[in-house]
PDB file of N, CA and C in Angstrom:
ATOM      1  N   MET A   1       0.751  -1.193   0.030  1.00  0.00           N
ATOM      2  CA  MET A   1      -0.103  -0.186  -0.034  1.00  0.00           C
ATOM      3  C   MET A   1       1.125   1.344  -0.052  1.00  0.00           C
ATOM      4  N   THR A   2       0.625   2.157  -0.932  1.00  0.00           N
ATOM      5  CA  THR A   2       1.350   3.229  -1.075  1.00  0.00           C
ATOM      6  C   THR A   2       1.044   4.365   0.237  1.00  0.00           C
ATOM      7  N   ALA A   3       1.808   5.374   0.498  1.00  0.00           N
ATOM      8  CA  ALA A   3       1.582   6.403   1.241  1.00  0.00           C
ATOM      9  C   ALA A   3       0.202   7.113   1.075  1.00  0.00           C
ATOM     10  N   THR A   4       0.083   7.427  -0.107  1.00  0.00           N
ATOM     11  CA  THR A   4      -1.208   7.985  -0.560  1.00  0.00           C
ATOM     12  C   THR A   4      -2.490   7.223  -0.162  1.00  0.00           C
ATOM     13  N   GLU A   5      -2.389   5.870  -0.584  1.00  0.00           N
ATOM     14  CA  GLU A   5      -3.412   5.086  -0.239  1.00  0.00           C
ATOM     15  C   GLU A   5      -3.710   4.801   1.365  1.00  0.00           C
ATOM     16  N   LEU A   6      -2.606   4.802   2.017  1.00  0.00           N
ATOM     17  CA  LEU A   6      -2.816   4.795   3.472  1.00  0.00           C
ATOM     18  C   LEU A   6      -3.288   5.934   4.114  1.00  0.00           C
ATOM     19  N   ARG A   7      -3.010   7.083   3.491  1.00  0.00           N
ATOM     20  CA  ARG A   7      -3.548   8.383   3.873  1.00  0.00           C
ATOM     21  C   ARG A   7      -5.154   8.480   3.684  1.00  0.00           C
ATOM     22  N   ARG A   8      -5.402   7.962   2.399  1.00  0.00           N
ATOM     23  CA  ARG A   8      -6.885   7.861   2.036  1.00  0.00           C
ATOM     24  C   ARG A   8      -7.629   6.939   3.034  1.00  0.00           C
ATOM     25  N   GLU A   9      -7.118   5.833   3.437  1.00  0.00           N
ATOM     26  CA  GLU A   9      -7.670   4.813   4.245  1.00  0.00           C
ATOM     27  C   GLU A   9      -7.943   5.422   5.688  1.00  0.00           C
ATOM     28  N   ILE A  10      -6.786   6.072   6.132  1.00  0.00           N
ATOM     29  CA  ILE A  10      -6.759   6.803   7.518  1.00  0.00           C
ATOM     30  C   ILE A  10      -7.966   7.885   7.510  1.00  0.00           C
ATOM     31  N   LYS A  11      -7.982   8.525   6.466  1.00  0.00           N
ATOM     32  CA  LYS A  11      -9.017   9.602   6.407  1.00  0.00           C
ATOM     33  C   LYS A  11     -10.286   9.092   6.360  1.00  0.00           C
ATOM     34  N   LYS A  12     -10.748   8.128   5.845  1.00  0.00           N
ATOM     35  CA  LYS A  12     -12.056   7.329   5.726  1.00  0.00           C
ATOM     36  C   LYS A  12     -12.428   7.030   7.214  1.00  0.00           C
ATOM     37  N   ILE A  13     -11.418   6.393   7.919  1.00  0.00           N
ATOM     38  CA  ILE A  13     -11.628   5.920   9.278  1.00  0.00           C
ATOM     39  C   ILE A  13     -11.962   7.099  10.244  1.00  0.00           C
ATOM     40  N   VAL A  14     -11.070   8.224   9.979  1.00  0.00           N
ATOM     41  CA  VAL A  14     -11.395   9.437  10.962  1.00  0.00           C
ATOM     42  C   VAL A  14     -12.601  10.057  10.500  1.00  0.00           C
ATOM     43  N   ASP A  15     -12.947  10.074   9.385  1.00  0.00           N
ATOM     44  CA  ASP A  15     -14.353  10.612   9.085  1.00  0.00           C
ATOM     45  C   ASP A  15     -15.527   9.747   9.736  1.00  0.00           C
ATOM     46  N   GLN A  16     -15.210   8.732  10.036  1.00  0.00           N
ATOM     47  CA  GLN A  16     -16.361   7.822  10.700  1.00  0.00           C
ATOM     48  C   GLN A  16     -16.246   7.880  12.324  1.00  0.00           C
ATOM     49  N   LEU A  17     -15.259   8.575  12.795  1.00  0.00           N
ATOM     50  CA  LEU A  17     -15.219   8.547  14.157  1.00  0.00           C
ATOM     51  C   LEU A  17     -16.223   9.386  14.828  1.00  0.00           C
ATOM     52  N   PRO A  18     -16.776   9.012  15.875  1.00  0.00           N
ATOM     53  CA  PRO A  18     -17.572  10.029  16.681  1.00  0.00           C
ATOM     54  C   PRO A  18     -16.800  11.177  17.294  1.00  0.00           C
ATOM     55  N   PRO A  19     -17.529  12.454  17.391  1.00  0.00           N
ATOM     56  CA  PRO A  19     -16.735  13.537  17.695  1.00  0.00           C
ATOM     57  C   PRO A  19     -15.984  13.557  19.056  1.00  0.00           C
ATOM     58  N   ASP A  20     -16.594  12.694  20.013  1.00  0.00           N
ATOM     59  CA  ASP A  20     -15.926  12.554  21.291  1.00  0.00           C
ATOM     60  C   ASP A  20     -14.402  11.755  21.299  1.00  0.00           C
ATOM     61  N   ARG A  21     -14.264  11.107  20.121  1.00  0.00           N
ATOM     62  CA  ARG A  21     -12.952  10.371  20.032  1.00  0.00           C
ATOM     63  C   ARG A  21     -11.931  11.187  19.269  1.00  0.00           C
ATOM     64  N   LEU A  22     -12.494  12.237  18.578  1.00  0.00           N
ATOM     65  CA  LEU A  22     -11.409  13.143  17.881  1.00  0.00           C
ATOM     66  C   LEU A  22     -10.338  13.772  18.555  1.00  0.00           C
ATOM     67  N   ALA A  23     -10.668  14.156  19.819  1.00  0.00           N
ATOM     68  CA  ALA A  23      -9.641  14.685  20.757  1.00  0.00           C
ATOM     69  C   ALA A  23      -8.507  13.816  21.022  1.00  0.00           C
ATOM     70  N   SER A  24      -8.816  12.756  21.343  1.00  0.00           N
ATOM     71  CA  SER A  24      -7.806  11.800  21.852  1.00  0.00           C
ATOM     72  C   SER A  24      -6.925  11.297  20.569  1.00  0.00           C
ATOM     73  N   LEU A  25      -7.680  11.223  19.464  1.00  0.00           N
ATOM     74  CA  LEU A  25      -6.841  10.998  18.135  1.00  0.00           C
ATOM     75  C   LEU A  25      -6.016  12.154  17.792  1.00  0.00           C
ATOM     76  N   ALA A  26      -6.386  13.352  17.908  1.00  0.00           N
ATOM     77  CA  ALA A  26      -5.649  14.381  17.825  1.00  0.00           C
ATOM     78  C   ALA A  26      -4.440  14.439  18.670  1.00  0.00           C
ATOM     79  N   ASP A  27      -4.468  13.917  19.877  1.00  0.00           N
ATOM     80  CA  ASP A  27      -3.434  13.985  20.832  1.00  0.00           C
ATOM     81  C   ASP A  27      -2.361  12.797  20.409  1.00  0.00           C
ATOM     82  N   TYR A  28      -2.990  11.758  19.845  1.00  0.00           N
ATOM     83  CA  TYR A  28      -2.136  10.670  19.530  1.00  0.00           C
ATOM     84  C   TYR A  28      -1.416  11.035  18.248  1.00  0.00           C
ATOM     85  N   VAL A  29      -1.908  11.572  17.322  1.00  0.00           N
ATOM     86  CA  VAL A  29      -1.315  12.078  16.054  1.00  0.00           C
ATOM     87  C   VAL A  29      -0.342  12.953  16.455  1.00  0.00           C
ATOM     88  N   HIS A  30      -0.475  14.066  17.257  1.00  0.00           N
ATOM     89  CA  HIS A  30       0.394  15.002  17.678  1.00  0.00           C
ATOM     90  C   HIS A  30       1.705  14.253  18.331  1.00  0.00           C
ATOM     91  N   PHE A  31       1.339  13.237  19.104  1.00  0.00           N
ATOM     92  CA  PHE A  31       2.477  12.459  19.650  1.00  0.00           C
ATOM     93  C   PHE A  31       3.305  11.782  18.718  1.00  0.00           C
ATOM     94  N   LEU A  32       2.749  11.268  17.702  1.00  0.00           N
ATOM     95  CA  LEU A  32       3.541  10.536  16.518  1.00  0.00           C
ATOM     96  C   LEU A  32       4.290  11.501  15.826  1.00  0.00           C
ATOM     97  N   GLY A  33       3.962  12.824  15.745  1.00  0.00           N
ATOM     98  CA  GLY A  33       4.671  13.624  14.918  1.00  0.00           C
ATOM     99  C   GLY A  33       5.764  14.265  15.736  1.00  0.00           C
ATOM    100  N   ARG A  34       5.925  14.046  16.987  1.00  0.00           N
ATOM    101  CA  ARG A  34       7.111  14.535  17.694  1.00  0.00           C
ATOM    102  C   ARG A  34       8.449  13.884  17.225  1.00  0.00           C
ATOM    103  N   PRO A  35       9.474  14.775  17.277  1.00  0.00           N
ATOM    104  CA  PRO A  35      10.746  14.121  16.847  1.00  0.00           C
ATOM    105  C   PRO A  35      11.136  13.056  17.858  1.00  0.00           C
ATOM    106  N   PRO A  36      12.067  12.101  17.504  1.00  0.00           N
ATOM    107  CA  PRO A  36      12.419  10.856  18.136  1.00  0.00           C
ATOM    108  C   PRO A  36      13.041  11.538  19.569  1.00  0.00           C
ATOM    109  N   LEU A  37      12.884  10.580  20.557  1.00  0.00           N
ATOM    110  CA  LEU A  37      13.461  10.982  21.850  1.00  0.00           C
ATOM    111  C   LEU A  37      15.062  11.375  21.849  1.00  0.00           C
ATOM    112  N   PRO A  38      15.792  10.670  21.143  1.00  0.00           N
ATOM    113  CA  PRO A  38      17.235  10.880  21.086  1.00  0.00           C
ATOM    114  C   PRO A  38      17.548  12.277  20.440  1.00  0.00           C
ATOM    115  N   ARG A  39      16.815  12.689  19.522  1.00  0.00           N
ATOM    116  CA  ARG A  39      16.831  14.084  18.955  1.00  0.00           C
ATOM    117  C   ARG A  39      16.502  15.122  20.008  1.00  0.00           C
ATOM    118  N   ARG A  40      15.483  14.845  20.649  1.00  0.00           N
ATOM    119  CA  ARG A  40      14.867  15.793  21.541  1.00  0.00           C
ATOM    120  C   ARG A  40      15.782  15.952  22.785  1.00  0.00           C
ATOM    121  N   ILE A  41      16.540  14.963  23.216  1.00  0.00           N
ATOM    122  CA  ILE A  41      17.460  14.871  24.266  1.00  0.00           C
ATOM    123  C   ILE A  41      18.574  15.677  23.779  1.00  0.00           C
ATOM    124  N   LYS A  42      19.076  15.546  22.529  1.00  0.00           N
ATOM    125  CA  LYS A  42      20.394  16.123  22.113  1.00  0.00           C
ATOM    126  C   LYS A  42      19.909  17.576  22.062  1.00  0.00           C
ATOM    127  N   ALA A  43      18.859  18.003  21.657  1.00  0.00           N
ATOM    128  CA  ALA A  43      18.444  19.539  21.545  1.00  0.00           C
ATOM    129  C   ALA A  43      18.444  20.250  22.956  1.00  0.00           C
ATOM    130  N   ALA A  44      17.821  19.313  23.779  1.00  0.00           N
ATOM    131  CA  ALA A  44      17.741  19.938  25.273  1.00  0.00           C
ATOM    132  C   ALA A  44      19.170  19.991  25.730  1.00  0.00           C
ATOM    133  N   GLU A  45      20.125  19.087  25.700  1.00  0.00           N
ATOM    134  CA  GLU A  45      21.430  19.112  26.148  1.00  0.00           C
ATOM    135  C   GLU A  45      22.153  20.297  25.527  1.00  0.00           C
ATOM    136  N   LYS A  46      22.061  20.549  24.292  1.00  0.00           N
ATOM    137  CA  LYS A  46      22.606  21.658  23.516  1.00  0.00           C
ATOM    138  C   LYS A  46      21.987  22.941  24.225  1.00  0.00           C
ATOM    139  N   ALA A  47      20.741  23.082  24.418  1.00  0.00           N
ATOM    140  CA  ALA A  47      19.981  24.341  25.099  1.00  0.00           C
ATOM    141  C   ALA A  47      20.681  24.617  26.382  1.00  0.00           C
ATOM    142  N   VAL A  48      20.900  23.385  27.247  1.00  0.00           N
ATOM    143  CA  VAL A  48      21.365  23.664  28.660  1.00  0.00           C
ATOM    144  C   VAL A  48      22.933  24.152  28.602  1.00  0.00           C
ATOM    145  N   ALA A  49      23.613  23.648  27.602  1.00  0.00           N
ATOM    146  CA  ALA A  49      25.126  24.019  27.381  1.00  0.00           C
ATOM    147  C   ALA A  49      25.033  25.463  27.073  1.00  0.00           C
ATOM    148  N   ALA A  50      23.999  25.863  26.414  1.00  0.00           N
ATOM    149  CA  ALA A  50      24.118  27.275  25.919  1.00  0.00           C
ATOM    150  C   ALA A  50      23.546  28.221  26.862  1.00  0.00           C
ATOM    151  N   GLY A  51      23.115  27.670  28.040  1.00  0.00           N
ATOM    152  CA  GLY A  51      22.616  28.652  29.102  1.00  0.00           C
ATOM    153  C   GLY A  51      21.143  28.888  28.960  1.00  0.00           C
ATOM    154  N   ARG A  52      20.447  28.349  28.134  1.00  0.00           N
ATOM    155  CA  ARG A  52      18.945  28.554  27.946  1.00  0.00           C
ATOM    156  C   ARG A  52      18.291  27.527  28.909  1.00  0.00           C
ATOM    157  N   GLY A  53      17.069  27.840  29.093  1.00  0.00           N
ATOM    158  CA  GLY A  53      16.251  26.889  29.913  1.00  0.00           C
ATOM    159  C   GLY A  53      16.011  27.596  31.382  1.00  0.00           C
ATOM    160  N   VAL A  54      15.218  26.975  32.124  1.00  0.00           N
ATOM    161  CA  VAL A  54      14.870  27.465  33.356  1.00  0.00           C
ATOM    162  C   VAL A  54      15.001  26.283  34.507  1.00  0.00           C
ATOM    163  N   ASN A  55      15.631  26.753  35.630  1.00  0.00           N
ATOM    164  CA  ASN A  55      15.943  25.734  36.543  1.00  0.00           C
ATOM    165  C   ASN A  55      14.606  25.243  37.181  1.00  0.00           C
ATOM    166  N   TRP A  56      14.474  23.905  37.330  1.00  0.00           N
ATOM    167  CA  TRP A  56      13.322  23.190  37.607  1.00  0.00           C
ATOM    168  C   TRP A  56      12.887  23.561  38.958  1.00  0.00           C
ATOM    169  N   ARG A  57      13.631  24.067  39.949  1.00  0.00           N
ATOM    170  CA  ARG A  57      13.367  24.410  41.285  1.00  0.00           C
ATOM    171  C   ARG A  57      12.583  25.707  41.252  1.00  0.00           C
ATOM    172  N   LYS A  58      12.820  26.571  40.339  1.00  0.00           N
ATOM    173  CA  LYS A  58      11.971  27.823  40.000  1.00  0.00           C
ATOM    174  C   LYS A  58      10.586  27.624  39.715  1.00  0.00           C
ATOM    175  N   ILE A  59      10.348  26.558  38.972  1.00  0.00           N
ATOM    176  CA  ILE A  59       9.089  26.055  38.580  1.00  0.00           C
ATOM    177  C   ILE A  59       8.354  25.237  39.644  1.00  0.00           C
ATOM    178  N   ARG A  60       9.011  24.416  40.295  1.00  0.00           N
ATOM    179  CA  ARG A  60       8.283  23.459  41.252  1.00  0.00           C
ATOM    180  C   ARG A  60       9.065  23.453  42.451  1.00  0.00           C
ATOM    181  N   SER A  61       8.472  24.487  43.258  1.00  0.00           N
ATOM    182  CA  SER A  61       9.192  24.693  44.729  1.00  0.00           C
ATOM    183  C   SER A  61       8.731  23.598  45.521  1.00  0.00           C
ATOM    184  N   ASP A  62       7.674  23.034  45.283  1.00  0.00           N
ATOM    185  CA  ASP A  62       7.029  22.089  46.272  1.00  0.00           C
ATOM    186  C   ASP A  62       7.537  20.680  46.291  1.00  0.00           C
ATOM    187  N   VAL A  63       8.687  20.394  45.505  1.00  0.00           N
ATOM    188  CA  VAL A  63       9.413  19.147  45.336  1.00  0.00           C
ATOM    189  C   VAL A  63      10.495  19.198  46.239  1.00  0.00           C
TER     190      VAL A  63
END
Protein backbone atom coordinates (compact mmCIF):
# COMPACT_ATOMS: atom_id res chain seq x y z
CA MET A 1 0.00 0.00 0.00
CA THR A 2 1.41 3.38 -0.95
CA ALA A 3 1.58 6.36 1.36
CA THR A 4 -1.24 8.03 -0.56
CA GLU A 5 -3.46 4.97 -0.21
CA LEU A 6 -2.71 4.78 3.50
CA ARG A 7 -3.58 8.45 3.95
CA ARG A 8 -6.90 7.93 2.15
CA GLU A 9 -7.71 4.89 4.28
CA ILE A 10 -6.86 6.76 7.48
CA LYS A 11 -9.00 9.72 6.40
CA LYS A 12 -11.97 7.41 5.78
CA ILE A 13 -11.63 5.96 9.25
CA VAL A 14 -11.22 9.38 10.87
CA ASP A 15 -14.31 10.67 9.08
CA GLN A 16 -16.33 7.84 10.65
CA LEU A 17 -15.20 8.50 14.22
CA PRO A 18 -17.63 10.02 16.69
CA PRO A 19 -16.75 13.59 17.74
CA ASP A 20 -15.89 12.58 21.32
CA ARG A 21 -13.03 10.36 20.03
CA LEU A 22 -11.44 13.05 17.85
CA ALA A 23 -9.66 14.83 20.71
CA SER A 24 -7.83 11.69 21.81
CA LEU A 25 -6.96 10.89 18.20
CA ALA A 26 -5.57 14.41 17.74
CA ASP A 27 -3.41 13.94 20.85
CA TYR A 28 -2.08 10.65 19.51
CA VAL A 29 -1.34 12.04 16.06
CA HIS A 30 0.47 14.96 17.68
CA PHE A 31 2.50 12.47 19.73
CA LEU A 32 3.44 10.54 16.59
CA GLY A 33 4.60 13.75 14.92
CA ARG A 34 7.13 14.54 17.65
CA PRO A 35 10.81 14.14 16.89
CA PRO A 36 12.39 10.94 18.20
CA LEU A 37 13.50 10.99 21.84
CA PRO A 38 17.26 10.92 21.12
CA ARG A 39 16.91 14.03 18.94
CA ARG A 40 14.89 15.85 21.64
CA ILE A 41 17.46 14.92 24.28
CA LYS A 42 20.30 16.16 22.11
CA ALA A 43 18.48 19.47 21.51
CA ALA A 44 17.81 19.84 25.25
CA GLU A 45 21.43 19.16 26.14
CA LYS A 46 22.52 21.72 23.58
CA ALA A 47 20.11 24.29 25.04
CA VAL A 48 21.38 23.65 28.58
CA ALA A 49 24.99 23.97 27.44
CA ALA A 50 24.09 27.30 25.82
CA GLY A 51 22.60 28.55 29.09
CA ARG A 52 18.98 28.50 27.94
CA GLY A 53 16.23 27.00 30.01
CA VAL A 54 14.81 27.44 33.46
CA ASN A 55 15.94 25.75 36.65
CA TRP A 56 13.23 23.26 37.63
CA ARG A 57 13.35 24.49 41.21
CA LYS A 58 12.00 27.86 40.07
CA ILE A 59 9.01 26.11 38.55
CA ARG A 60 8.41 23.38 41.17
CA SER A 61 9.22 24.71 44.60
CA ASP A 62 7.02 22.06 46.24
CA VAL A 63 9.34 19.19 45.33
